[in-house]
């Protein structure tokens, strides 16, 4: 593992990964649209508990797009930081965040010390 913190090294290392995660988010959003549709009441085939489970599943499916959108915004901001050469540097203290932390989450904006 290299310690090269240059913008080009970061771009090479993380741009593809960030783009791949953004594509995955878009694909998942497209595939789960039907999960957010209204739950139909059919008391002949669905009991009360089954309907409650279906409603809970629908509520969770409705909450996911917001989380996915937030993650997509964070990843787009990381791509912007890659382009400007600011990627990998802590927003608070200005030190390099470190590749192990960036490998866990390339959208992270603070080093471990400042994140505490």
PDB file of N, CA and C in Angstrom:
ATOM      1  N   UNK A   1       0.846  -1.173   0.000  1.00  0.00           N
ATOM      2  CA  UNK A   1       0.000   0.000   0.000  1.00  0.00           C
ATOM      3  C   UNK A   1       0.894   1.239   0.000  1.00  0.00           C
ATOM      4  N   UNK A   2       0.648   2.135  -0.913  1.00  0.00           N
ATOM      5  CA  UNK A   2       1.470   3.326  -1.044  1.00  0.00           C
ATOM      6  C   UNK A   2       0.999   4.425  -0.090  1.00  0.00           C
ATOM      7  N   UNK A   3       1.925   5.300   0.267  1.00  0.00           N
ATOM      8  CA  UNK A   3       1.583   6.444   1.099  1.00  0.00           C
ATOM      9  C   UNK A   3       1.508   7.719   0.277  1.00  0.00           C
ATOM     10  N   UNK A   4       1.476   7.594  -1.060  1.00  0.00           N
ATOM     11  CA  UNK A   4       1.402   8.752  -1.931  1.00  0.00           C
ATOM     12  C   UNK A   4       0.051   9.422  -1.755  1.00  0.00           C
ATOM     13  N   UNK A   5       0.046  10.650  -1.213  1.00  0.00           N
ATOM     14  CA  UNK A   5      -1.198  11.363  -0.944  1.00  0.00           C
ATOM     15  C   UNK A   5      -1.510  12.397  -2.015  1.00  0.00           C
ATOM     16  N   UNK A   6      -0.841  12.317  -3.164  1.00  0.00           N
ATOM     17  CA  UNK A   6      -1.071  13.293  -4.224  1.00  0.00           C
ATOM     18  C   UNK A   6      -2.489  13.163  -4.757  1.00  0.00           C
ATOM     19  N   UNK A   7      -3.023  14.268  -5.288  1.00  0.00           N
ATOM     20  CA  UNK A   7      -4.378  14.201  -5.859  1.00  0.00           C
ATOM     21  C   UNK A   7      -4.496  13.135  -6.946  1.00  0.00           C
ATOM     22  N   UNK A   8      -3.469  12.959  -7.760  1.00  0.00           N
ATOM     23  CA  UNK A   8      -3.531  11.960  -8.824  1.00  0.00           C
ATOM     24  C   UNK A   8      -3.586  10.543  -8.252  1.00  0.00           C
ATOM     25  N   UNK A   9      -2.809  10.283  -7.208  1.00  0.00           N
ATOM     26  CA  UNK A   9      -2.827   8.960  -6.582  1.00  0.00           C
ATOM     27  C   UNK A   9      -4.200   8.675  -5.991  1.00  0.00           C
ATOM     28  N   UNK A  10      -4.802   9.661  -5.355  1.00  0.00           N
ATOM     29  CA  UNK A  10      -6.142   9.494  -4.788  1.00  0.00           C
ATOM     30  C   UNK A  10      -7.164   9.289  -5.896  1.00  0.00           C
ATOM     31  N   UNK A  11      -7.041  10.046  -6.983  1.00  0.00           N
ATOM     32  CA  UNK A  11      -7.983   9.921  -8.089  1.00  0.00           C
ATOM     33  C   UNK A  11      -7.928   8.518  -8.677  1.00  0.00           C
ATOM     34  N   UNK A  12      -6.712   8.026  -8.901  1.00  0.00           N
ATOM     35  CA  UNK A  12      -6.539   6.690  -9.457  1.00  0.00           C
ATOM     36  C   UNK A  12      -7.116   5.643  -8.518  1.00  0.00           C
ATOM     37  N   UNK A  13      -6.896   5.829  -7.255  1.00  0.00           N
ATOM     38  CA  UNK A  13      -7.290   4.823  -6.273  1.00  0.00           C
ATOM     39  C   UNK A  13      -8.793   4.798  -5.995  1.00  0.00           C
ATOM     40  N   UNK A  14      -9.455   5.965  -6.031  1.00  0.00           N
ATOM     41  CA  UNK A  14     -10.827   6.035  -5.541  1.00  0.00           C
ATOM     42  C   UNK A  14     -11.888   6.430  -6.563  1.00  0.00           C
ATOM     43  N   UNK A  15     -11.547   7.041  -7.665  1.00  0.00           N
ATOM     44  CA  UNK A  15     -12.561   7.528  -8.612  1.00  0.00           C
ATOM     45  C   UNK A  15     -13.440   6.387  -9.128  1.00  0.00           C
ATOM     46  N   UNK A  16     -12.846   5.289  -9.513  1.00  0.00           N
ATOM     47  CA  UNK A  16     -13.618   4.162 -10.022  1.00  0.00           C
ATOM     48  C   UNK A  16     -14.531   3.563  -8.971  1.00  0.00           C
ATOM     49  N   UNK A  17     -14.022   3.465  -7.770  1.00  0.00           N
ATOM     50  CA  UNK A  17     -14.822   2.893  -6.677  1.00  0.00           C
ATOM     51  C   UNK A  17     -16.025   3.772  -6.362  1.00  0.00           C
ATOM     52  N   UNK A  18     -15.817   5.088  -6.331  1.00  0.00           N
ATOM     53  CA  UNK A  18     -16.909   6.014  -6.048  1.00  0.00           C
ATOM     54  C   UNK A  18     -17.945   5.952  -7.164  1.00  0.00           C
ATOM     55  N   UNK A  19     -17.485   5.946  -8.415  1.00  0.00           N
ATOM     56  CA  UNK A  19     -18.405   5.865  -9.553  1.00  0.00           C
ATOM     57  C   UNK A  19     -19.198   4.563  -9.519  1.00  0.00           C
ATOM     58  N   UNK A  20     -18.548   3.476  -9.168  1.00  0.00           N
ATOM     59  CA  UNK A  20     -19.231   2.180  -9.096  1.00  0.00           C
ATOM     60  C   UNK A  20     -20.310   2.200  -8.021  1.00  0.00           C
ATOM     61  N   UNK A  21     -20.032   2.805  -6.875  1.00  0.00           N
ATOM     62  CA  UNK A  21     -21.039   2.869  -5.816  1.00  0.00           C
ATOM     63  C   UNK A  21     -22.214   3.755  -6.229  1.00  0.00           C
ATOM     64  N   UNK A  22     -21.931   4.842  -6.936  1.00  0.00           N
ATOM     65  CA  UNK A  22     -23.014   5.698  -7.438  1.00  0.00           C
ATOM     66  C   UNK A  22     -23.898   4.931  -8.428  1.00  0.00           C
ATOM     67  N   UNK A  23     -23.293   4.143  -9.294  1.00  0.00           N
ATOM     68  CA  UNK A  23     -24.068   3.328 -10.232  1.00  0.00           C
ATOM     69  C   UNK A  23     -24.913   2.297  -9.502  1.00  0.00           C
ATOM     70  N   UNK A  24     -24.344   1.708  -8.467  1.00  0.00           N
ATOM     71  CA  UNK A  24     -25.077   0.717  -7.671  1.00  0.00           C
ATOM     72  C   UNK A  24     -26.290   1.351  -6.990  1.00  0.00           C
ATOM     73  N   UNK A  25     -26.119   2.562  -6.483  1.00  0.00           N
ATOM     74  CA  UNK A  25     -27.227   3.281  -5.847  1.00  0.00           C
ATOM     75  C   UNK A  25     -28.334   3.536  -6.867  1.00  0.00           C
ATOM     76  N   UNK A  26     -27.961   3.983  -8.058  1.00  0.00           N
ATOM     77  CA  UNK A  26     -28.954   4.246  -9.105  1.00  0.00           C
ATOM     78  C   UNK A  26     -29.684   2.964  -9.499  1.00  0.00           C
ATOM     79  N   UNK A  27     -28.957   1.871  -9.651  1.00  0.00           N
ATOM     80  CA  UNK A  27     -29.575   0.591 -10.012  1.00  0.00           C
ATOM     81  C   UNK A  27     -30.534   0.115  -8.929  1.00  0.00           C
ATOM     82  N   UNK A  28     -30.117   0.227  -7.678  1.00  0.00           N
ATOM     83  CA  UNK A  28     -30.961  -0.212  -6.570  1.00  0.00           C
ATOM     84  C   UNK A  28     -32.234   0.618  -6.495  1.00  0.00           C
ATOM     85  N   UNK A  29     -32.114   1.918  -6.703  1.00  0.00           N
ATOM     86  CA  UNK A  29     -33.297   2.784  -6.679  1.00  0.00           C
ATOM     87  C   UNK A  29     -34.288   2.380  -7.756  1.00  0.00           C
ATOM     88  N   UNK A  30     -33.780   2.067  -8.929  1.00  0.00           N
ATOM     89  CA  UNK A  30     -34.655   1.672 -10.034  1.00  0.00           C
ATOM     90  C   UNK A  30     -35.327   0.333  -9.755  1.00  0.00           C
ATOM     91  N   UNK A  31     -34.635  -0.568  -9.111  1.00  0.00           N
ATOM     92  CA  UNK A  31     -35.151  -1.918  -8.877  1.00  0.00           C
ATOM     93  C   UNK A  31     -36.162  -1.992  -7.734  1.00  0.00           C
ATOM     94  N   UNK A  32     -36.130  -1.032  -6.821  1.00  0.00           N
ATOM     95  CA  UNK A  32     -36.973  -1.136  -5.627  1.00  0.00           C
ATOM     96  C   UNK A  32     -38.197  -0.229  -5.667  1.00  0.00           C
ATOM     97  N   UNK A  33     -38.495   0.326  -6.808  1.00  0.00           N
ATOM     98  CA  UNK A  33     -39.653   1.215  -6.921  1.00  0.00           C
ATOM     99  C   UNK A  33     -40.955   0.555  -6.526  1.00  0.00           C
ATOM    100  N   UNK A  34     -41.123  -0.712  -6.876  1.00  0.00           N
ATOM    101  CA  UNK A  34     -42.378  -1.403  -6.566  1.00  0.00           C
ATOM    102  C   UNK A  34     -42.546  -1.644  -5.068  1.00  0.00           C
ATOM    103  N   UNK A  35     -41.461  -1.676  -4.323  1.00  0.00           N
ATOM    104  CA  UNK A  35     -41.552  -1.895  -2.874  1.00  0.00           C
ATOM    105  C   UNK A  35     -42.205  -0.720  -2.150  1.00  0.00           C
ATOM    106  N   UNK A  36     -42.215   0.445  -2.782  1.00  0.00           N
ATOM    107  CA  UNK A  36     -42.763   1.642  -2.148  1.00  0.00           C
ATOM    108  C   UNK A  36     -44.222   1.885  -2.509  1.00  0.00           C
ATOM    109  N   UNK A  37     -44.808   1.018  -3.313  1.00  0.00           N
ATOM    110  CA  UNK A  37     -46.210   1.170  -3.710  1.00  0.00           C
ATOM    111  C   UNK A  37     -47.125   0.890  -2.522  1.00  0.00           C
ATOM    112  N   UNK A  38     -48.356   1.428  -2.560  1.00  0.00           N
ATOM    113  CA  UNK A  38     -49.296   1.199  -1.458  1.00  0.00           C
ATOM    114  C   UNK A  38     -49.582  -0.296  -1.249  1.00  0.00           C
ATOM    115  N   UNK A  39     -49.761  -0.640   0.007  1.00  0.00           N
ATOM    116  CA  UNK A  39     -50.119  -2.017   0.360  1.00  0.00           C
ATOM    117  C   UNK A  39     -51.633  -2.135   0.244  1.00  0.00           C
ATOM    118  N   UNK A  40     -52.064  -3.071  -0.552  1.00  0.00           N
ATOM    119  CA  UNK A  40     -53.497  -3.261  -0.779  1.00  0.00           C
ATOM    120  C   UNK A  40     -54.095  -4.103   0.355  1.00  0.00           C
ATOM    121  N   UNK A  41     -55.297  -3.732   0.776  1.00  0.00           N
ATOM    122  CA  UNK A  41     -55.999  -4.458   1.821  1.00  0.00           C
ATOM    123  C   UNK A  41     -56.857  -5.539   1.168  1.00  0.00           C
ATOM    124  N   UNK A  42     -56.482  -6.767   1.411  1.00  0.00           N
ATOM    125  CA  UNK A  42     -57.246  -7.915   0.913  1.00  0.00           C
ATOM    126  C   UNK A  42     -57.389  -8.866   2.091  1.00  0.00           C
ATOM    127  N   UNK A  43     -58.470  -8.708   2.841  1.00  0.00           N
ATOM    128  CA  UNK A  43     -58.629  -9.486   4.060  1.00  0.00           C
ATOM    129  C   UNK A  43     -58.900 -10.955   3.805  1.00  0.00           C
ATOM    130  N   UNK A  44     -59.175 -11.312   2.571  1.00  0.00           N
ATOM    131  CA  UNK A  44     -59.376 -12.717   2.248  1.00  0.00           C
ATOM    132  C   UNK A  44     -58.054 -13.479   2.223  1.00  0.00           C
ATOM    133  N   UNK A  45     -57.001 -12.805   1.759  1.00  0.00           N
ATOM    134  CA  UNK A  45     -55.734 -13.520   1.605  1.00  0.00           C
ATOM    135  C   UNK A  45     -54.641 -13.038   2.552  1.00  0.00           C
ATOM    136  N   UNK A  46     -54.820 -11.890   3.171  1.00  0.00           N
ATOM    137  CA  UNK A  46     -53.779 -11.340   4.039  1.00  0.00           C
ATOM    138  C   UNK A  46     -54.367 -11.086   5.416  1.00  0.00           C
ATOM    139  N   UNK A  47     -53.812 -11.712   6.413  1.00  0.00           N
ATOM    140  CA  UNK A  47     -54.259 -11.501   7.775  1.00  0.00           C
ATOM    141  C   UNK A  47     -53.726 -10.196   8.333  1.00  0.00           C
ATOM    142  N   UNK A  48     -54.169  -9.848   9.536  1.00  0.00           N
ATOM    143  CA  UNK A  48     -53.789  -8.585  10.170  1.00  0.00           C
ATOM    144  C   UNK A  48     -52.284  -8.481  10.355  1.00  0.00           C
ATOM    145  N   UNK A  49     -51.643  -9.545  10.862  1.00  0.00           N
ATOM    146  CA  UNK A  49     -50.194  -9.498  11.086  1.00  0.00           C
ATOM    147  C   UNK A  49     -49.423  -9.439   9.777  1.00  0.00           C
ATOM    148  N   UNK A  50     -49.900 -10.147   8.775  1.00  0.00           N
ATOM    149  CA  UNK A  50     -49.242 -10.106   7.471  1.00  0.00           C
ATOM    150  C   UNK A  50     -49.331  -8.706   6.880  1.00  0.00           C
ATOM    151  N   UNK A  51     -50.475  -8.068   7.050  1.00  0.00           N
ATOM    152  CA  UNK A  51     -50.638  -6.702   6.553  1.00  0.00           C
ATOM    153  C   UNK A  51     -49.717  -5.755   7.314  1.00  0.00           C
ATOM    154  N   UNK A  52     -49.611  -5.942   8.619  1.00  0.00           N
ATOM    155  CA  UNK A  52     -48.700  -5.094   9.402  1.00  0.00           C
ATOM    156  C   UNK A  52     -47.264  -5.285   8.941  1.00  0.00           C
ATOM    157  N   UNK A  53     -46.878  -6.518   8.662  1.00  0.00           N
ATOM    158  CA  UNK A  53     -45.539  -6.778   8.136  1.00  0.00           C
ATOM    159  C   UNK A  53     -45.351  -6.094   6.796  1.00  0.00           C
ATOM    160  N   UNK A  54     -46.369  -6.164   5.951  1.00  0.00           N
ATOM    161  CA  UNK A  54     -46.293  -5.533   4.633  1.00  0.00           C
ATOM    162  C   UNK A  54     -46.171  -4.018   4.766  1.00  0.00           C
ATOM    163  N   UNK A  55     -46.921  -3.428   5.692  1.00  0.00           N
ATOM    164  CA  UNK A  55     -46.846  -1.983   5.920  1.00  0.00           C
ATOM    165  C   UNK A  55     -45.481  -1.577   6.467  1.00  0.00           C
ATOM    166  N   UNK A  56     -44.926  -2.390   7.356  1.00  0.00           N
ATOM    167  CA  UNK A  56     -43.594  -2.097   7.890  1.00  0.00           C
ATOM    168  C   UNK A  56     -42.560  -2.180   6.769  1.00  0.00           C
ATOM    169  N   UNK A  57     -42.660  -3.197   5.927  1.00  0.00           N
ATOM    170  CA  UNK A  57     -41.744  -3.323   4.791  1.00  0.00           C
ATOM    171  C   UNK A  57     -41.854  -2.136   3.853  1.00  0.00           C
ATOM    172  N   UNK A  58     -43.086  -1.678   3.631  1.00  0.00           N
ATOM    173  CA  UNK A  58     -43.298  -0.515   2.777  1.00  0.00           C
ATOM    174  C   UNK A  58     -42.673   0.728   3.396  1.00  0.00           C
ATOM    175  N   UNK A  59     -42.836   0.916   4.706  1.00  0.00           N
ATOM    176  CA  UNK A  59     -42.272   2.084   5.386  1.00  0.00           C
ATOM    177  C   UNK A  59     -40.747   2.090   5.285  1.00  0.00           C
ATOM    178  N   UNK A  60     -40.152   0.920   5.457  1.00  0.00           N
ATOM    179  CA  UNK A  60     -38.691   0.838   5.334  1.00  0.00           C
ATOM    180  C   UNK A  60     -38.260   1.118   3.901  1.00  0.00           C
ATOM    181  N   UNK A  61     -39.015   0.613   2.926  1.00  0.00           N
ATOM    182  CA  UNK A  61     -38.687   0.849   1.523  1.00  0.00           C
ATOM    183  C   UNK A  61     -38.817   2.328   1.172  1.00  0.00           C
ATOM    184  N   UNK A  62     -39.791   3.018   1.794  1.00  0.00           N
ATOM    185  CA  UNK A  62     -39.963   4.449   1.537  1.00  0.00           C
ATOM    186  C   UNK A  62     -38.830   5.268   2.163  1.00  0.00           C
ATOM    187  N   UNK A  63     -38.257   4.794   3.256  1.00  0.00           N
ATOM    188  CA  UNK A  63     -37.177   5.519   3.913  1.00  0.00           C
ATOM    189  C   UNK A  63     -35.845   5.352   3.186  1.00  0.00           C
ATOM    190  N   UNK A  64     -35.669   4.254   2.476  1.00  0.00           N
ATOM    191  CA  UNK A  64     -34.391   3.960   1.815  1.00  0.00           C
ATOM    192  C   UNK A  64     -33.980   4.993   0.768  1.00  0.00           C
ATOM    193  N   UNK A  65     -34.881   5.512  -0.060  1.00  0.00           N
ATOM    194  CA  UNK A  65     -34.430   6.490  -1.052  1.00  0.00           C
ATOM    195  C   UNK A  65     -33.757   7.708  -0.426  1.00  0.00           C
ATOM    196  N   UNK A  66     -34.252   8.151   0.716  1.00  0.00           N
ATOM    197  CA  UNK A  66     -33.634   9.285   1.393  1.00  0.00           C
ATOM    198  C   UNK A  66     -32.211   8.972   1.826  1.00  0.00           C
ATOM    199  N   UNK A  67     -32.005   7.769   2.348  1.00  0.00           N
ATOM    200  CA  UNK A  67     -30.657   7.369   2.753  1.00  0.00           C
ATOM    201  C   UNK A  67     -29.753   7.217   1.530  1.00  0.00           C
ATOM    202  N   UNK A  68     -30.314   6.624   0.461  1.00  0.00           N
ATOM    203  CA  UNK A  68     -29.521   6.468  -0.762  1.00  0.00           C
ATOM    204  C   UNK A  68     -29.164   7.823  -1.354  1.00  0.00           C
ATOM    205  N   UNK A  69     -30.120   8.767  -1.333  1.00  0.00           N
ATOM    206  CA  UNK A  69     -29.848  10.102  -1.865  1.00  0.00           C
ATOM    207  C   UNK A  69     -28.763  10.803  -1.061  1.00  0.00           C
ATOM    208  N   UNK A  70     -28.813  10.655   0.251  1.00  0.00           N
ATOM    209  CA  UNK A  70     -27.777  11.246   1.094  1.00  0.00           C
ATOM    210  C   UNK A  70     -26.405  10.665   0.798  1.00  0.00           C
ATOM    211  N   UNK A  71     -26.358   9.353   0.625  1.00  0.00           N
ATOM    212  CA  UNK A  71     -25.085   8.704   0.298  1.00  0.00           C
ATOM    213  C   UNK A  71     -24.594   9.153  -1.076  1.00  0.00           C
ATOM    214  N   UNK A  72     -25.521   9.262  -2.030  1.00  0.00           N
ATOM    215  CA  UNK A  72     -25.132   9.704  -3.374  1.00  0.00           C
ATOM    216  C   UNK A  72     -24.579  11.128  -3.330  1.00  0.00           C
ATOM    217  N   UNK A  73     -25.205  12.003  -2.544  1.00  0.00           N
ATOM    218  CA  UNK A  73     -24.689  13.383  -2.418  1.00  0.00           C
ATOM    219  C   UNK A  73     -23.285  13.386  -1.815  1.00  0.00           C
ATOM    220  N   UNK A  74     -23.066  12.549  -0.806  1.00  0.00           N
ATOM    221  CA  UNK A  74     -21.738  12.476  -0.180  1.00  0.00           C
ATOM    222  C   UNK A  74     -20.700  11.965  -1.178  1.00  0.00           C
ATOM    223  N   UNK A  75     -21.074  10.981  -1.984  1.00  0.00           N
ATOM    224  CA  UNK A  75     -20.147  10.446  -2.985  1.00  0.00           C
ATOM    225  C   UNK A  75     -19.870  11.455  -4.095  1.00  0.00           C
ATOM    226  N   UNK A  76     -20.893  12.192  -4.521  1.00  0.00           N
ATOM    227  CA  UNK A  76     -20.677  13.233  -5.529  1.00  0.00           C
ATOM    228  C   UNK A  76     -19.754  14.328  -4.994  1.00  0.00           C
ATOM    229  N   UNK A  77     -19.912  14.659  -3.720  1.00  0.00           N
ATOM    230  CA  UNK A  77     -19.014  15.641  -3.102  1.00  0.00           C
ATOM    231  C   UNK A  77     -17.587  15.097  -3.053  1.00  0.00           C
ATOM    232  N   UNK A  78     -17.440  13.799  -2.804  1.00  0.00           N
ATOM    233  CA  UNK A  78     -16.108  13.183  -2.803  1.00  0.00           C
ATOM    234  C   UNK A  78     -15.488  13.245  -4.193  1.00  0.00           C
ATOM    235  N   UNK A  79     -16.281  13.013  -5.229  1.00  0.00           N
ATOM    236  CA  UNK A  79     -15.762  13.130  -6.602  1.00  0.00           C
ATOM    237  C   UNK A  79     -15.314  14.553  -6.897  1.00  0.00           C
ATOM    238  N   UNK A  80     -16.082  15.514  -6.408  1.00  0.00           N
ATOM    239  CA  UNK A  80     -15.706  16.922  -6.596  1.00  0.00           C
ATOM    240  C   UNK A  80     -14.390  17.224  -5.880  1.00  0.00           C
ATOM    241  N   UNK A  81     -14.236  16.681  -4.672  1.00  0.00           N
ATOM    242  CA  UNK A  81     -12.977  16.881  -3.948  1.00  0.00           C
ATOM    243  C   UNK A  81     -11.818  16.205  -4.676  1.00  0.00           C
ATOM    244  N   UNK A  82     -12.085  15.075  -5.322  1.00  0.00           N
ATOM    245  CA  UNK A  82     -11.044  14.423  -6.120  1.00  0.00           C
ATOM    246  C   UNK A  82     -10.578  15.344  -7.241  1.00  0.00           C
ATOM    247  N   UNK A  83     -11.522  15.997  -7.905  1.00  0.00           N
ATOM    248  CA  UNK A  83     -11.193  16.875  -9.028  1.00  0.00           C
ATOM    249  C   UNK A  83     -10.434  18.123  -8.589  1.00  0.00           C
ATOM    250  N   UNK A  84     -10.737  18.616  -7.399  1.00  0.00           N
ATOM    251  CA  UNK A  84     -10.097  19.848  -6.932  1.00  0.00           C
ATOM    252  C   UNK A  84      -8.817  19.590  -6.127  1.00  0.00           C
ATOM    253  N   UNK A  85      -8.504  18.317  -5.897  1.00  0.00           N
ATOM    254  CA  UNK A  85      -7.304  17.994  -5.137  1.00  0.00           C
ATOM    255  C   UNK A  85      -7.477  18.063  -3.637  1.00  0.00           C
ATOM    256  N   UNK A  86      -8.708  18.190  -3.157  1.00  0.00           N
ATOM    257  CA  UNK A  86      -8.969  18.288  -1.725  1.00  0.00           C
ATOM    258  C   UNK A  86      -9.343  16.949  -1.113  1.00  0.00           C
ATOM    259  N   UNK A  87      -9.485  15.917  -1.925  1.00  0.00           N
ATOM    260  CA  UNK A  87      -9.899  14.614  -1.443  1.00  0.00           C
ATOM    261  C   UNK A  87      -8.850  14.024  -0.505  1.00  0.00           C
ATOM    262  N   UNK A  88      -9.325  13.470   0.606  1.00  0.00           N
ATOM    263  CA  UNK A  88      -8.428  12.785   1.529  1.00  0.00           C
ATOM    264  C   UNK A  88      -7.864  13.665   2.632  1.00  0.00           C
ATOM    265  N   UNK A  89      -8.146  14.946   2.565  1.00  0.00           N
ATOM    266  CA  UNK A  89      -7.627  15.859   3.587  1.00  0.00           C
ATOM    267  C   UNK A  89      -8.752  16.235   4.537  1.00  0.00           C
ATOM    268  N   UNK A  90      -8.473  16.200   5.826  1.00  0.00           N
ATOM    269  CA  UNK A  90      -9.460  16.466   6.861  1.00  0.00           C
ATOM    270  C   UNK A  90      -9.992  17.897   6.754  1.00  0.00           C
ATOM    271  N   UNK A  91     -11.305  18.036   6.804  1.00  0.00           N
ATOM    272  CA  UNK A  91     -11.931  19.363   6.750  1.00  0.00           C
ATOM    273  C   UNK A  91     -11.643  20.189   7.994  1.00  0.00           C
ATOM    274  N   UNK A  92     -11.366  19.538   9.116  1.00  0.00           N
ATOM    275  CA  UNK A  92     -11.148  20.272  10.363  1.00  0.00           C
ATOM    276  C   UNK A  92      -9.682  20.647  10.581  1.00  0.00           C
ATOM    277  N   UNK A  93      -8.795  19.646  10.546  1.00  0.00           N
ATOM    278  CA  UNK A  93      -7.396  19.912  10.900  1.00  0.00           C
ATOM    279  C   UNK A  93      -6.474  20.027   9.694  1.00  0.00           C
ATOM    280  N   UNK A  94      -6.909  19.589   8.521  1.00  0.00           N
ATOM    281  CA  UNK A  94      -6.096  19.705   7.316  1.00  0.00           C
ATOM    282  C   UNK A  94      -5.097  18.580   7.109  1.00  0.00           C
ATOM    283  N   UNK A  95      -5.039  17.613   8.029  1.00  0.00           N
ATOM    284  CA  UNK A  95      -4.123  16.479   7.885  1.00  0.00           C
ATOM    285  C   UNK A  95      -4.722  15.453   6.926  1.00  0.00           C
ATOM    286  N   UNK A  96      -3.844  14.614   6.354  1.00  0.00           N
ATOM    287  CA  UNK A  96      -4.335  13.566   5.471  1.00  0.00           C
ATOM    288  C   UNK A  96      -5.107  12.547   6.295  1.00  0.00           C
ATOM    289  N   UNK A  97      -6.277  12.166   5.832  1.00  0.00           N
ATOM    290  CA  UNK A  97      -7.160  11.261   6.563  1.00  0.00           C
ATOM    291  C   UNK A  97      -6.543   9.879   6.690  1.00  0.00           C
ATOM    292  N   UNK A  98      -5.921   9.422   5.650  1.00  0.00           N
ATOM    293  CA  UNK A  98      -5.290   8.105   5.669  1.00  0.00           C
ATOM    294  C   UNK A  98      -6.054   7.117   4.807  1.00  0.00           C
ATOM    295  N   UNK A  99      -5.310   6.335   4.043  1.00  0.00           N
ATOM    296  CA  UNK A  99      -5.938   5.392   3.128  1.00  0.00           C
ATOM    297  C   UNK A  99      -6.799   4.334   3.811  1.00  0.00           C
ATOM    298  N   UNK A 100      -6.411   3.807   4.967  1.00  0.00           N
ATOM    299  CA  UNK A 100      -7.287   2.800   5.582  1.00  0.00           C
ATOM    300  C   UNK A 100      -8.694   3.340   5.867  1.00  0.00           C
ATOM    301  N   UNK A 101      -8.790   4.568   6.373  1.00  0.00           N
ATOM    302  CA  UNK A 101     -10.104   5.173   6.659  1.00  0.00           C
ATOM    303  C   UNK A 101     -10.842   5.473   5.363  1.00  0.00           C
ATOM    304  N   UNK A 102     -10.135   5.964   4.356  1.00  0.00           N
ATOM    305  CA  UNK A 102     -10.771   6.249   3.076  1.00  0.00           C
ATOM    306  C   UNK A 102     -11.221   4.973   2.374  1.00  0.00           C
ATOM    307  N   UNK A 103     -10.493   3.883   2.572  1.00  0.00           N
ATOM    308  CA  UNK A 103     -10.900   2.599   1.992  1.00  0.00           C
ATOM    309  C   UNK A 103     -12.230   2.145   2.585  1.00  0.00           C
ATOM    310  N   UNK A 104     -12.430   2.400   3.869  1.00  0.00           N
ATOM    311  CA  UNK A 104     -13.704   2.049   4.510  1.00  0.00           C
ATOM    312  C   UNK A 104     -14.851   2.897   3.978  1.00  0.00           C
ATOM    313  N   UNK A 105     -14.594   4.190   3.795  1.00  0.00           N
ATOM    314  CA  UNK A 105     -15.620   5.099   3.295  1.00  0.00           C
ATOM    315  C   UNK A 105     -14.957   6.248   2.550  1.00  0.00           C
ATOM    316  N   UNK A 106     -14.951   6.205   1.222  1.00  0.00           N
ATOM    317  CA  UNK A 106     -14.290   7.261   0.457  1.00  0.00           C
ATOM    318  C   UNK A 106     -14.978   8.628   0.563  1.00  0.00           C
ATOM    319  N   UNK A 107     -16.173   8.684   1.128  1.00  0.00           N
ATOM    320  CA  UNK A 107     -16.871   9.948   1.275  1.00  0.00           C
ATOM    321  C   UNK A 107     -16.559  10.645   2.599  1.00  0.00           C
ATOM    322  N   UNK A 108     -15.767  10.000   3.444  1.00  0.00           N
ATOM    323  CA  UNK A 108     -15.464  10.572   4.757  1.00  0.00           C
ATOM    324  C   UNK A 108     -14.686  11.881   4.575  1.00  0.00           C
ATOM    325  N   UNK A 109     -14.958  12.832   5.473  1.00  0.00           N
ATOM    326  CA  UNK A 109     -14.358  14.161   5.335  1.00  0.00           C
ATOM    327  C   UNK A 109     -13.489  14.561   6.524  1.00  0.00           C
ATOM    328  N   UNK A 110     -13.410  13.688   7.530  1.00  0.00           N
ATOM    329  CA  UNK A 110     -12.622  14.019   8.716  1.00  0.00           C
ATOM    330  C   UNK A 110     -11.740  12.846   9.107  1.00  0.00           C
ATOM    331  N   UNK A 111     -10.596  13.153   9.672  1.00  0.00           N
ATOM    332  CA  UNK A 111      -9.704  12.112  10.182  1.00  0.00           C
ATOM    333  C   UNK A 111     -10.312  11.515  11.446  1.00  0.00           C
ATOM    334  N   UNK A 112      -9.738  10.451  11.927  1.00  0.00           N
ATOM    335  CA  UNK A 112     -10.269   9.763  13.097  1.00  0.00           C
ATOM    336  C   UNK A 112     -10.277  10.695  14.318  1.00  0.00           C
ATOM    337  N   UNK A 113      -9.206  11.442  14.503  1.00  0.00           N
ATOM    338  CA  UNK A 113      -9.109  12.333  15.663  1.00  0.00           C
ATOM    339  C   UNK A 113     -10.207  13.388  15.656  1.00  0.00           C
ATOM    340  N   UNK A 114     -10.431  14.011  14.514  1.00  0.00           N
ATOM    341  CA  UNK A 114     -11.438  15.083  14.428  1.00  0.00           C
ATOM    342  C   UNK A 114     -12.857  14.528  14.423  1.00  0.00           C
ATOM    343  N   UNK A 115     -13.034  13.292  13.985  1.00  0.00           N
ATOM    344  CA  UNK A 115     -14.367  12.697  13.937  1.00  0.00           C
ATOM    345  C   UNK A 115     -14.883  12.342  15.326  1.00  0.00           C
ATOM    346  N   UNK A 116     -13.974  12.234  16.296  1.00  0.00           N
ATOM    347  CA  UNK A 116     -14.389  11.888  17.669  1.00  0.00           C
ATOM    348  C   UNK A 116     -15.104  12.995  18.272  1.00  0.00           C
TER     349      UNK A 116
END
